[in-house]
N, C-alpha and C. Protein backbone atom coordinates (compact mmCIF):
# COMPACT_ATOMS: atom_id res chain seq x y z
N MET A 1 -21.98 35.93 10.28
CA MET A 1 -22.62 36.87 11.73
C MET A 1 -22.29 38.37 11.79
N GLU A 2 -23.20 39.17 12.33
CA GLU A 2 -23.26 40.51 12.23
C GLU A 2 -21.67 41.07 13.05
N ASN A 3 -21.39 42.41 13.04
CA ASN A 3 -20.55 42.77 13.63
C ASN A 3 -20.65 43.02 14.99
N HIS A 4 -21.60 42.74 15.47
CA HIS A 4 -21.68 43.15 17.27
C HIS A 4 -21.77 41.75 17.55
N SER A 5 -21.86 40.58 17.17
CA SER A 5 -21.46 39.75 17.69
C SER A 5 -20.17 39.34 18.48
N SER A 6 -20.11 38.71 19.51
CA SER A 6 -18.84 38.57 20.24
C SER A 6 -17.96 37.49 19.86
N THR A 7 -17.23 37.17 20.20
CA THR A 7 -16.35 36.11 20.06
C THR A 7 -17.05 34.70 20.39
N GLU A 8 -17.16 35.17 21.71
CA GLU A 8 -18.05 34.03 22.29
C GLU A 8 -19.19 33.58 21.73
N ALA A 9 -20.12 34.69 21.17
CA ALA A 9 -21.42 33.98 20.64
C ALA A 9 -21.17 33.44 19.05
N VAL A 10 -19.88 33.56 18.47
CA VAL A 10 -19.24 33.05 17.23
C VAL A 10 -18.78 31.23 17.44
N MET A 11 -18.27 31.50 18.84
CA MET A 11 -17.66 30.27 19.32
C MET A 11 -19.02 29.26 19.57
N GLN A 12 -19.74 29.91 20.18
CA GLN A 12 -21.37 29.05 20.79
C GLN A 12 -21.73 28.19 19.29
N ASP A 13 -21.94 29.15 18.52
CA ASP A 13 -22.68 28.90 17.19
C ASP A 13 -21.75 27.72 16.42
N LEU A 14 -20.57 28.11 16.52
CA LEU A 14 -19.44 27.11 15.80
C LEU A 14 -19.75 25.76 16.88
N GLN A 15 -19.72 25.67 18.02
CA GLN A 15 -19.64 24.31 18.78
C GLN A 15 -21.04 23.90 18.44
N GLN A 16 -22.19 24.49 18.56
CA GLN A 16 -23.52 23.91 18.65
C GLN A 16 -23.42 23.51 17.37
N THR A 17 -23.32 23.82 16.27
CA THR A 17 -23.20 23.63 14.58
C THR A 17 -22.28 22.22 14.17
N LEU A 18 -21.12 22.02 14.69
CA LEU A 18 -20.65 21.22 14.53
C LEU A 18 -20.92 19.63 15.53
N GLN A 19 -21.16 20.18 16.61
CA GLN A 19 -21.75 18.82 17.66
C GLN A 19 -22.74 18.33 16.91
N GLY A 20 -23.51 19.40 16.26
CA GLY A 20 -24.91 18.61 15.56
C GLY A 20 -24.20 17.97 14.49
N LEU A 21 -23.35 18.23 13.56
CA LEU A 21 -22.84 17.81 12.44
C LEU A 21 -21.90 15.96 12.97
N ILE A 22 -21.40 16.17 14.04
CA ILE A 22 -20.62 14.94 14.47
C ILE A 22 -22.05 14.05 15.02
N LYS A 23 -23.09 14.49 15.04
CA LYS A 23 -24.10 13.92 15.76
C LYS A 23 -24.48 12.79 14.79
N HIS A 24 -24.42 13.73 13.95
CA HIS A 24 -25.47 13.62 12.49
C HIS A 24 -24.54 12.21 11.98
N LEU A 25 -22.97 12.38 11.94
CA LEU A 25 -22.46 11.26 11.28
C LEU A 25 -21.96 9.90 12.14
N PHE A 26 -21.95 10.51 13.35
CA PHE A 26 -21.43 9.35 14.40
C PHE A 26 -22.74 8.79 15.36
N GLY A 27 -23.25 9.47 15.59
CA GLY A 27 -25.01 8.77 15.97
C GLY A 27 -24.06 9.80 17.33
N GLU A 28 -24.98 8.61 18.42
CA GLU A 28 -24.66 9.27 19.59
C GLU A 28 -22.99 8.81 20.70
N VAL A 29 -22.22 9.85 20.27
CA VAL A 29 -20.95 9.22 21.07
C VAL A 29 -20.25 10.12 21.77
N GLU A 30 -19.59 10.01 22.29
CA GLU A 30 -18.87 10.73 23.86
C GLU A 30 -17.69 11.70 22.71
N THR A 31 -17.84 13.17 23.39
CA THR A 31 -17.32 14.08 22.52
C THR A 31 -16.52 15.03 23.51
N ARG A 32 -15.01 15.43 22.70
CA ARG A 32 -14.51 16.34 23.57
C ARG A 32 -13.84 17.52 23.11
N TRP A 33 -13.82 19.14 23.29
CA TRP A 33 -13.34 20.11 22.47
C TRP A 33 -11.72 20.08 23.60
N VAL A 34 -11.07 20.30 22.46
CA VAL A 34 -9.74 20.46 22.80
C VAL A 34 -8.76 21.70 22.37
N ASN A 35 -8.21 22.73 23.12
CA ASN A 35 -7.57 23.81 22.59
C ASN A 35 -6.67 23.55 21.36
N ALA A 36 -6.50 24.37 20.59
CA ALA A 36 -5.68 23.93 19.24
C ALA A 36 -5.20 25.13 18.63
N TYR A 37 -4.16 24.78 17.58
CA TYR A 37 -3.61 26.54 17.31
C TYR A 37 -3.94 25.86 15.71
N PHE A 38 -4.03 27.22 15.24
CA PHE A 38 -4.30 27.26 13.36
C PHE A 38 -3.72 28.29 12.78
N PRO A 39 -3.20 28.47 11.74
CA PRO A 39 -2.53 29.89 11.64
C PRO A 39 -3.74 31.08 11.06
N PHE A 40 -5.11 30.38 10.80
CA PHE A 40 -5.55 31.58 10.37
C PHE A 40 -7.02 31.72 11.27
N THR A 41 -7.15 31.19 12.37
CA THR A 41 -8.14 31.32 13.47
C THR A 41 -7.49 31.34 14.86
N GLU A 42 -8.36 32.29 15.54
CA GLU A 42 -8.21 32.26 16.94
C GLU A 42 -9.53 32.70 17.83
N PRO A 43 -10.10 32.01 18.78
CA PRO A 43 -9.36 30.94 19.73
C PRO A 43 -9.93 29.98 18.42
N SER A 44 -8.88 28.81 18.50
CA SER A 44 -8.79 27.49 17.76
C SER A 44 -9.18 26.49 18.62
N LEU A 45 -10.02 25.25 18.19
CA LEU A 45 -10.46 24.04 18.63
C LEU A 45 -10.12 23.13 17.74
N GLU A 46 -9.71 21.73 18.53
CA GLU A 46 -10.11 20.41 17.62
C GLU A 46 -11.23 19.80 18.24
N LEU A 47 -11.90 18.89 17.59
CA LEU A 47 -12.95 18.27 18.35
C LEU A 47 -12.88 16.80 18.16
N GLU A 48 -12.75 16.39 19.38
CA GLU A 48 -12.36 14.67 19.24
C GLU A 48 -13.49 13.41 19.58
N VAL A 49 -13.81 12.32 19.03
CA VAL A 49 -14.66 11.54 19.39
C VAL A 49 -14.06 10.20 19.96
N LEU A 50 -14.73 9.57 20.83
CA LEU A 50 -14.30 8.73 21.72
C LEU A 50 -14.47 7.29 20.68
N PHE A 51 -13.34 6.96 20.14
CA PHE A 51 -13.60 5.69 19.03
C PHE A 51 -12.26 4.37 19.64
N ARG A 52 -12.96 3.15 19.84
CA ARG A 52 -12.36 1.86 20.40
C ARG A 52 -11.41 2.11 21.37
N ASP A 53 -12.15 3.12 22.59
CA ASP A 53 -11.83 3.35 23.60
C ASP A 53 -10.59 4.40 23.73
N GLU A 54 -10.49 4.99 22.37
CA GLU A 54 -9.25 6.33 22.49
C GLU A 54 -10.15 7.35 21.50
N TRP A 55 -9.09 8.65 22.06
CA TRP A 55 -9.93 9.82 21.56
C TRP A 55 -9.36 10.25 20.08
N LEU A 56 -10.05 10.39 19.11
CA LEU A 56 -9.84 10.30 17.53
C LEU A 56 -10.23 11.77 17.05
N GLU A 57 -9.32 12.53 16.61
CA GLU A 57 -9.51 14.00 16.36
C GLU A 57 -10.31 14.27 14.95
N VAL A 58 -11.46 14.46 14.85
CA VAL A 58 -12.21 14.72 13.61
C VAL A 58 -12.21 15.83 12.72
N LEU A 59 -11.83 17.01 13.27
CA LEU A 59 -12.00 18.10 12.74
C LEU A 59 -11.29 19.48 13.52
N GLY A 60 -10.71 20.20 13.03
CA GLY A 60 -10.07 21.47 13.39
C GLY A 60 -11.01 22.54 13.31
N CYS A 61 -11.25 23.79 13.66
CA CYS A 61 -12.19 24.68 13.73
C CYS A 61 -11.59 26.16 14.78
N GLY A 62 -12.27 26.90 14.32
CA GLY A 62 -12.00 28.39 14.84
C GLY A 62 -12.63 29.48 14.07
N VAL A 63 -12.18 30.82 15.31
CA VAL A 63 -13.15 31.84 14.76
C VAL A 63 -11.70 32.84 14.01
N ILE A 64 -12.27 33.01 12.31
CA ILE A 64 -11.35 33.66 11.38
C ILE A 64 -10.96 34.59 12.33
N GLN A 65 -9.50 35.08 12.08
CA GLN A 65 -8.70 36.08 12.35
C GLN A 65 -9.27 37.52 11.63
N LYS A 66 -9.57 38.85 12.47
CA LYS A 66 -10.23 39.72 11.99
C LYS A 66 -9.49 40.35 10.37
N LYS A 67 -8.29 40.15 10.47
CA LYS A 67 -7.60 40.72 9.43
C LYS A 67 -7.84 40.03 8.05
N ILE A 68 -7.77 38.96 8.45
CA ILE A 68 -8.66 37.97 7.11
C ILE A 68 -9.44 38.70 6.35
N LEU A 69 -10.53 38.98 7.46
CA LEU A 69 -11.68 39.46 6.97
C LEU A 69 -11.77 40.50 6.53
N GLU A 70 -11.05 41.38 6.92
CA GLU A 70 -10.63 42.95 6.64
C GLU A 70 -9.73 42.60 5.41
N ASP A 71 -8.74 41.82 4.91
CA ASP A 71 -8.47 42.12 3.78
C ASP A 71 -9.44 41.05 2.45
N VAL A 72 -10.68 40.79 2.35
CA VAL A 72 -11.20 40.57 1.86
C VAL A 72 -12.26 41.26 1.46
N GLY A 73 -12.49 42.85 2.50
CA GLY A 73 -13.35 43.60 2.30
C GLY A 73 -14.38 43.08 3.09
N MET A 74 -14.65 42.35 4.16
CA MET A 74 -15.21 41.90 4.99
C MET A 74 -15.46 42.04 6.69
N GLY A 75 -14.61 43.06 6.66
CA GLY A 75 -14.32 43.45 7.90
C GLY A 75 -15.04 43.49 9.01
N GLU A 76 -16.18 43.82 8.51
CA GLU A 76 -17.54 44.38 9.20
C GLU A 76 -18.25 43.07 9.83
N ARG A 77 -17.69 41.80 9.36
CA ARG A 77 -18.31 40.76 9.77
C ARG A 77 -17.56 39.75 10.68
N ASN A 78 -17.95 38.84 11.24
CA ASN A 78 -17.42 37.94 11.80
C ASN A 78 -17.80 36.38 11.54
N GLY A 79 -16.78 35.23 11.58
CA GLY A 79 -17.38 34.15 10.97
C GLY A 79 -16.49 32.90 11.75
N TRP A 80 -16.47 31.95 11.60
CA TRP A 80 -15.70 30.77 11.96
C TRP A 80 -15.82 29.67 10.32
N ALA A 81 -14.55 28.87 10.72
CA ALA A 81 -14.17 28.01 9.76
C ALA A 81 -13.53 26.91 10.17
N PHE A 82 -13.72 25.52 9.52
CA PHE A 82 -13.50 24.08 10.12
C PHE A 82 -13.33 23.15 8.93
N GLY A 83 -12.45 22.87 9.32
CA GLY A 83 -11.80 21.60 8.60
C GLY A 83 -12.25 20.05 8.68
N ILE A 84 -12.89 19.53 8.44
CA ILE A 84 -12.80 17.96 8.83
C ILE A 84 -12.31 16.64 7.76
N GLY A 85 -11.27 15.88 8.41
CA GLY A 85 -10.85 14.71 7.55
C GLY A 85 -11.48 13.09 7.27
N LEU A 86 -11.67 13.43 5.76
CA LEU A 86 -12.35 12.46 5.34
C LEU A 86 -11.86 10.78 5.63
N GLU A 87 -10.84 10.78 5.99
CA GLU A 87 -9.94 9.33 6.48
C GLU A 87 -10.57 9.49 7.54
N ARG A 88 -10.70 10.34 8.81
CA ARG A 88 -11.37 10.04 10.33
C ARG A 88 -12.39 9.75 10.23
N LEU A 89 -13.30 10.02 9.20
CA LEU A 89 -14.54 9.48 9.05
C LEU A 89 -14.90 8.14 8.80
N ALA A 90 -13.94 7.73 7.48
CA ALA A 90 -13.76 6.47 7.14
C ALA A 90 -13.39 5.68 8.51
N MET A 91 -12.49 5.85 8.88
CA MET A 91 -11.94 4.80 10.14
C MET A 91 -12.95 4.88 10.97
N ALA A 92 -13.95 5.39 11.47
CA ALA A 92 -15.30 5.33 12.26
C ALA A 92 -16.00 4.29 11.60
N LEU A 93 -16.15 4.65 10.37
CA LEU A 93 -17.36 3.99 9.38
C LEU A 93 -17.31 2.50 9.20
N PHE A 94 -16.29 2.25 8.69
CA PHE A 94 -15.40 0.77 8.67
C PHE A 94 -14.56 0.16 9.78
N SER A 95 -14.55 0.75 11.00
CA SER A 95 -13.55 0.47 12.11
C SER A 95 -12.56 0.39 11.86
N ILE A 96 -11.81 1.11 11.33
CA ILE A 96 -10.19 0.89 10.88
C ILE A 96 -9.33 1.71 11.75
N PRO A 97 -8.26 0.77 12.26
CA PRO A 97 -7.76 1.37 13.54
C PRO A 97 -6.65 2.24 13.16
N ASP A 98 -6.01 2.16 12.49
CA ASP A 98 -4.73 2.69 11.69
C ASP A 98 -4.74 3.82 10.53
N ILE A 99 -4.76 5.10 10.70
CA ILE A 99 -4.83 5.73 9.12
C ILE A 99 -3.96 5.88 8.39
N ARG A 100 -2.87 5.12 8.21
CA ARG A 100 -1.74 4.95 7.71
C ARG A 100 -2.33 3.52 6.75
N LEU A 101 -3.28 2.97 7.09
CA LEU A 101 -3.77 1.96 6.16
C LEU A 101 -4.48 2.43 4.95
N PHE A 102 -4.70 3.75 4.77
CA PHE A 102 -5.23 4.52 3.64
C PHE A 102 -4.41 4.57 2.58
N TRP A 103 -2.72 4.93 3.01
CA TRP A 103 -1.88 4.48 1.98
C TRP A 103 -1.40 3.87 1.92
N SER A 104 -1.76 2.48 2.40
CA SER A 104 -1.27 1.06 1.87
C SER A 104 -1.64 0.33 0.44
N ASP A 105 -0.79 -0.14 0.22
CA ASP A 105 -1.12 -0.91 -1.19
C ASP A 105 -1.40 -2.81 -0.83
N ASP A 106 -1.23 -2.89 0.71
CA ASP A 106 -1.44 -4.17 1.04
C ASP A 106 -2.37 -4.55 0.78
N PRO A 107 -2.79 -5.94 -0.03
CA PRO A 107 -4.17 -6.06 -0.85
C PRO A 107 -4.92 -6.73 0.47
N ARG A 108 -4.60 -7.29 1.70
CA ARG A 108 -5.17 -7.33 2.54
C ARG A 108 -5.96 -6.58 2.89
N PHE A 109 -5.86 -5.30 2.69
CA PHE A 109 -6.64 -4.18 3.27
C PHE A 109 -7.41 -3.97 2.05
N LEU A 110 -7.01 -3.83 0.71
CA LEU A 110 -7.90 -2.70 -0.28
C LEU A 110 -8.81 -4.11 -0.86
N GLU A 111 -8.72 -5.57 -0.31
CA GLU A 111 -9.56 -6.59 -1.19
C GLU A 111 -10.50 -6.37 -0.19
N GLN A 112 -10.64 -5.90 0.98
CA GLN A 112 -11.82 -5.66 1.84
C GLN A 112 -12.93 -4.96 1.62
N PHE A 113 -12.63 -4.00 0.71
CA PHE A 113 -13.66 -3.03 0.16
C PHE A 113 -14.18 -2.89 -0.92
N SER A 114 -15.33 -2.46 -1.41
CA SER A 114 -16.17 -2.20 -2.76
C SER A 114 -17.13 -1.34 -2.67
N ASP A 115 -17.21 -0.70 -3.76
CA ASP A 115 -17.96 0.71 -4.06
C ASP A 115 -19.37 0.05 -3.73
N GLY A 116 -20.11 1.12 -2.67
CA GLY A 116 -21.12 0.88 -2.20
C GLY A 116 -21.39 0.43 -1.05
N LYS A 117 -20.57 -0.31 -0.48
CA LYS A 117 -20.60 -1.78 0.69
C LYS A 117 -19.80 -0.90 1.73
N ILE A 118 -20.84 -1.03 2.88
CA ILE A 118 -19.93 -0.79 4.12
C ILE A 118 -20.01 -1.70 5.29
N VAL A 119 -18.87 -2.23 5.02
CA VAL A 119 -18.26 -3.31 5.74
C VAL A 119 -17.19 -2.80 7.07
N THR A 120 -17.44 -4.20 8.36
CA THR A 120 -16.14 -3.77 9.20
C THR A 120 -15.16 -4.17 9.14
N PHE A 121 -14.15 -3.49 9.17
CA PHE A 121 -12.51 -4.00 8.66
C PHE A 121 -12.27 -5.20 9.58
N LYS A 122 -11.51 -6.27 9.13
CA LYS A 122 -10.85 -7.25 9.91
C LYS A 122 -9.48 -6.99 9.69
N GLU A 123 -8.97 -6.86 11.01
CA GLU A 123 -7.40 -6.75 11.29
C GLU A 123 -7.15 -8.02 10.74
N PHE A 124 -5.39 -7.64 10.35
CA PHE A 124 -4.57 -9.00 9.73
C PHE A 124 -3.41 -8.56 10.75
N SER A 125 -2.35 -9.27 10.65
CA SER A 125 -1.12 -9.12 11.43
C SER A 125 -0.52 -8.14 11.28
N LYS A 126 0.52 -7.47 12.38
CA LYS A 126 0.96 -6.36 11.64
C LYS A 126 2.57 -7.07 12.56
N TYR A 127 3.30 -5.84 11.85
CA TYR A 127 5.12 -6.27 12.63
C TYR A 127 4.88 -5.42 13.48
N PRO A 128 5.70 -6.21 14.35
CA PRO A 128 6.01 -5.41 15.99
C PRO A 128 6.34 -4.05 16.34
N VAL A 129 5.74 -3.69 16.96
CA VAL A 129 5.78 -2.26 17.27
C VAL A 129 7.27 -1.98 18.13
N CYS A 130 7.74 -0.42 17.63
CA CYS A 130 9.11 0.09 18.96
C CYS A 130 9.20 0.93 19.38
N TYR A 131 8.81 1.20 20.79
CA TYR A 131 8.63 2.27 21.34
C TYR A 131 10.00 2.91 21.89
N LYS A 132 9.81 4.36 21.78
CA LYS A 132 10.87 5.21 22.22
C LYS A 132 10.20 6.34 22.66
N ASP A 133 10.94 6.65 24.35
CA ASP A 133 10.65 7.80 24.90
C ASP A 133 11.16 9.08 24.73
N ILE A 134 10.61 10.36 24.95
CA ILE A 134 11.43 11.36 24.72
C ILE A 134 10.92 12.62 25.93
N SER A 135 11.74 12.99 26.97
CA SER A 135 11.51 14.04 27.81
C SER A 135 11.83 15.37 27.47
N PHE A 136 11.29 16.49 27.84
CA PHE A 136 11.81 17.70 27.86
C PHE A 136 11.00 18.93 28.59
N TRP A 137 11.89 19.83 28.61
CA TRP A 137 10.79 21.06 29.58
C TRP A 137 10.18 21.64 28.43
N GLU A 138 8.99 21.87 28.69
CA GLU A 138 7.98 22.78 27.58
C GLU A 138 8.39 23.66 27.08
N PRO A 139 8.82 24.51 26.20
CA PRO A 139 9.23 25.92 25.66
C PRO A 139 7.97 26.48 25.95
N LYS A 140 8.10 27.99 25.96
CA LYS A 140 7.23 28.93 26.10
C LYS A 140 6.22 28.76 24.76
N GLY A 141 4.59 28.53 25.10
CA GLY A 141 4.01 28.29 23.79
C GLY A 141 3.85 27.05 23.54
N PHE A 142 4.41 26.20 24.20
CA PHE A 142 4.45 24.88 23.71
C PHE A 142 2.75 23.97 23.29
N HIS A 143 2.85 23.52 22.35
CA HIS A 143 1.49 23.06 22.35
C HIS A 143 1.35 21.49 21.64
N GLU A 144 0.81 20.81 22.13
CA GLU A 144 1.28 19.56 21.78
C GLU A 144 1.24 19.21 20.21
N ASN A 145 0.63 19.57 19.65
CA ASN A 145 0.25 19.40 18.04
C ASN A 145 1.38 19.86 17.61
N ASP A 146 2.37 20.85 18.25
CA ASP A 146 3.78 21.14 17.32
C ASP A 146 4.76 19.77 17.34
N PHE A 147 4.65 19.62 18.72
CA PHE A 147 5.82 18.31 19.16
C PHE A 147 5.16 17.17 18.15
N CYS A 148 4.13 17.15 18.09
CA CYS A 148 3.33 15.73 17.22
C CYS A 148 3.97 15.93 15.62
N ALA A 149 3.91 17.15 15.25
CA ALA A 149 4.16 17.67 13.94
C ALA A 149 5.32 17.55 14.03
N ALA A 150 6.23 17.91 14.59
CA ALA A 150 7.74 17.57 14.40
C ALA A 150 8.12 16.09 14.48
N VAL A 151 7.88 15.41 15.12
CA VAL A 151 7.98 13.60 15.17
C VAL A 151 7.36 13.27 13.46
N ARG A 152 6.26 13.70 13.27
CA ARG A 152 6.04 12.94 12.02
C ARG A 152 6.78 13.83 10.80
N ASP A 153 7.36 14.99 11.01
CA ASP A 153 8.49 15.70 9.94
C ASP A 153 9.48 14.78 9.63
N CYS A 154 9.88 14.29 10.87
CA CYS A 154 11.08 13.61 10.93
C CYS A 154 11.04 12.01 10.88
N ALA A 155 9.81 11.51 11.46
CA ALA A 155 9.90 9.75 10.85
C ALA A 155 8.93 9.36 10.13
N GLY A 156 7.91 10.65 9.51
CA GLY A 156 7.07 10.23 8.47
C GLY A 156 6.07 9.26 8.76
N ASP A 157 5.66 7.93 8.12
CA ASP A 157 4.70 6.86 8.13
C ASP A 157 5.28 5.84 8.95
N LEU A 158 6.32 5.87 9.84
CA LEU A 158 6.59 5.23 10.63
C LEU A 158 6.15 5.35 11.95
N VAL A 159 5.80 6.55 11.97
CA VAL A 159 4.66 6.55 13.40
C VAL A 159 4.00 6.18 13.16
N GLU A 160 3.19 5.41 14.60
CA GLU A 160 2.04 4.77 14.31
C GLU A 160 1.24 5.78 15.51
N LYS A 161 1.79 6.06 16.63
CA LYS A 161 1.17 6.78 17.59
C LYS A 161 1.88 7.68 18.53
N VAL A 162 2.00 8.99 19.20
CA VAL A 162 2.27 10.05 19.94
C VAL A 162 1.45 9.86 20.83
N GLU A 163 1.82 9.83 22.22
CA GLU A 163 0.97 10.15 23.20
C GLU A 163 2.22 10.68 24.46
N CYS A 164 1.30 11.69 25.07
CA CYS A 164 1.92 12.01 26.39
C CYS A 164 1.76 10.98 27.75
N ILE A 165 2.85 10.52 28.57
CA ILE A 165 2.48 9.93 29.28
C ILE A 165 2.99 10.13 30.77
N ASP A 166 3.38 11.34 30.85
CA ASP A 166 3.96 11.66 32.13
C ASP A 166 4.25 13.28 32.13
N ARG A 167 3.49 14.00 33.00
CA ARG A 167 3.87 15.46 32.94
C ARG A 167 4.02 15.68 34.67
N PHE A 168 5.06 16.76 34.57
CA PHE A 168 5.69 17.26 35.75
C PHE A 168 5.69 18.81 35.89
N LYS A 169 5.00 19.37 37.13
CA LYS A 169 5.82 20.74 37.24
C LYS A 169 6.84 21.03 38.27
N HIS A 170 7.66 21.42 37.81
CA HIS A 170 8.30 21.95 38.80
C HIS A 170 8.29 22.89 40.04
N PRO A 171 8.37 22.51 41.40
CA PRO A 171 7.53 23.10 42.55
C PRO A 171 8.14 24.95 42.59
N LYS A 172 9.64 24.86 42.15
CA LYS A 172 10.29 26.10 42.25
C LYS A 172 9.58 26.85 41.41
N THR A 173 10.26 26.65 39.94
CA THR A 173 10.36 27.29 38.84
C THR A 173 8.96 27.54 38.28
N GLY A 174 7.88 26.64 38.67
CA GLY A 174 6.49 26.21 37.67
C GLY A 174 7.27 25.78 35.95
N ASN A 175 8.24 25.66 36.03
CA ASN A 175 8.48 24.91 34.44
C ASN A 175 7.78 23.91 34.26
N GLN A 176 7.06 23.04 33.07
CA GLN A 176 6.42 21.89 32.83
C GLN A 176 6.99 21.15 31.91
N SER A 177 7.36 20.25 32.45
CA SER A 177 8.21 18.87 31.56
C SER A 177 6.89 17.84 31.39
N SER A 178 7.36 17.03 29.99
CA SER A 178 6.59 16.23 29.55
C SER A 178 7.46 15.20 29.08
N CYS A 179 6.74 14.28 29.13
CA CYS A 179 7.26 12.83 28.31
C CYS A 179 6.33 12.46 27.69
N PHE A 180 7.13 12.01 26.45
CA PHE A 180 6.26 11.53 25.50
C PHE A 180 6.60 9.97 24.93
N ARG A 181 5.99 9.21 24.59
CA ARG A 181 6.04 7.69 24.14
C ARG A 181 5.76 7.92 22.59
N ILE A 182 6.62 7.91 21.61
CA ILE A 182 6.32 7.11 20.24
C ILE A 182 6.45 6.13 19.99
N SER A 183 5.57 5.48 19.24
CA SER A 183 5.46 4.06 18.88
C SER A 183 5.84 3.94 17.41
N TYR A 184 6.68 3.46 16.82
CA TYR A 184 7.13 3.27 15.80
C TYR A 184 6.86 1.76 15.10
N ARG A 185 6.03 1.81 14.41
CA ARG A 185 5.67 0.52 13.58
C ARG A 185 5.74 0.86 11.79
N SER A 186 6.32 -0.13 11.19
CA SER A 186 6.25 -0.12 9.83
C SER A 186 5.02 -1.12 9.25
N MET A 187 4.25 -0.60 7.97
CA MET A 187 3.15 -1.33 7.59
C MET A 187 3.98 -2.75 6.80
N GLU A 188 5.10 -2.50 6.22
CA GLU A 188 5.75 -3.49 5.42
C GLU A 188 6.85 -4.27 5.99
N ARG A 189 7.30 -3.94 6.94
CA ARG A 189 8.88 -4.66 7.54
C ARG A 189 8.91 -4.59 8.90
N SER A 190 9.54 -5.64 9.46
CA SER A 190 9.96 -5.17 11.02
C SER A 190 11.33 -4.31 10.94
N LEU A 191 10.74 -3.15 11.98
CA LEU A 191 11.76 -2.14 12.11
C LEU A 191 13.05 -2.39 12.72
N LYS A 192 14.20 -2.10 12.58
CA LYS A 192 15.33 -2.64 13.79
C LYS A 192 15.65 -1.26 14.96
N ASN A 193 16.03 -1.49 15.84
CA ASN A 193 16.14 -0.63 16.88
C ASN A 193 17.27 0.36 16.39
N LYS A 194 17.97 -0.33 15.61
CA LYS A 194 18.95 0.77 15.40
C LYS A 194 18.70 1.66 14.29
N GLU A 195 17.77 1.49 13.77
CA GLU A 195 17.13 2.65 12.75
C GLU A 195 16.62 3.35 13.06
N ILE A 196 16.01 3.41 14.19
CA ILE A 196 14.80 3.88 15.00
C ILE A 196 15.84 4.69 16.18
N ASP A 197 16.69 4.34 16.75
CA ASP A 197 17.53 5.30 17.19
C ASP A 197 18.06 6.15 16.42
N VAL A 198 18.36 6.16 15.49
CA VAL A 198 18.73 7.18 14.35
C VAL A 198 17.81 7.87 13.94
N ILE A 199 16.39 7.77 13.98
CA ILE A 199 15.51 8.64 13.71
C ILE A 199 15.32 9.61 15.04
N GLN A 200 15.52 9.08 15.95
CA GLN A 200 15.29 9.26 17.55
C GLN A 200 16.56 10.61 17.85
N GLU A 201 17.57 10.72 17.23
CA GLU A 201 18.68 11.33 17.65
C GLU A 201 18.41 12.43 16.37
N THR A 202 17.98 12.28 15.40
CA THR A 202 17.54 13.51 14.68
C THR A 202 16.55 14.64 15.20
N LEU A 203 15.41 13.55 15.57
CA LEU A 203 14.56 14.26 16.27
C LEU A 203 15.05 14.99 17.36
N ARG A 204 15.75 14.66 18.21
CA ARG A 204 16.59 15.12 19.13
C ARG A 204 16.75 16.54 18.74
N ALA A 205 17.79 16.33 17.83
CA ALA A 205 18.81 17.49 17.40
C ALA A 205 17.57 18.58 17.04
N GLY A 206 16.47 18.04 16.21
CA GLY A 206 15.59 19.18 15.51
C GLY A 206 15.17 20.11 16.76
N LEU A 207 14.54 19.27 17.52
CA LEU A 207 13.69 19.65 18.96
C LEU A 207 14.76 20.84 19.76
N LYS A 208 15.90 20.61 19.52
CA LYS A 208 16.71 21.33 20.19
C LYS A 208 17.12 22.80 19.68
N SER A 209 17.28 22.69 18.24
CA SER A 209 17.51 23.48 17.29
C SER A 209 15.95 24.65 17.34
N GLN A 210 15.11 23.82 17.98
CA GLN A 210 13.75 24.78 18.28
C GLN A 210 13.78 25.55 19.45
N GLY A 211 14.74 25.27 20.54
CA GLY A 211 14.45 25.79 21.66
C GLY A 211 13.84 24.84 22.82
N PHE A 212 13.63 23.66 22.49
CA PHE A 212 13.45 22.42 23.32
C PHE A 212 14.72 22.24 24.47
N GLN A 213 14.43 22.05 25.78
CA GLN A 213 15.81 21.72 26.67
C GLN A 213 14.95 20.04 26.98
N LEU A 214 15.94 19.42 26.66
CA LEU A 214 15.97 17.87 26.54
C LEU A 214 16.33 17.42 28.06
N ARG A 215 15.74 16.09 28.41
CA ARG A 215 16.12 15.94 29.77
C ARG A 215 16.54 14.56 29.57
């Protein structure tokens, strides 16, 4: 796009194009745009589709920061960028409920698929889930993605799901409090409550060091 194009025009082109891509890949599905943060775009968005009655993130995108274009000699132009996760597409195509299955060596998963064939995934028994909640006052500039990244950095593939279950705004200070529920589940074994408690304490310590005020 040329220099006279506004950020709004770039965003409009971005959204129309990517909505068309998702329609081509998924068909007529319900979608929504969510504000996000990426280091090389501003503003930034994520596009989610309604999959198995839950919102599934399929791509991240945004308007390319001006300095990046200037650094490569294209400062007179504007543009947008996006990244799409192939695993997310496969989840929808094969009705796979858990992204961690793609890194599993479990033959009950692997033997369901073969080259050139699209089949519906047949779920098999899982080990029990372990739920842990954590509440905190949101620090300045808080974004839910940052918290989810911190959880996954701490617990890795043991995390099945992270979801916000409650939000509260203090009537006097205006501070925002959030409560998140973390679902822990291993693909190979039953987890013990004690080992998850250790992970939770490590997570809490890490959040405190980043300026989170835990409740």
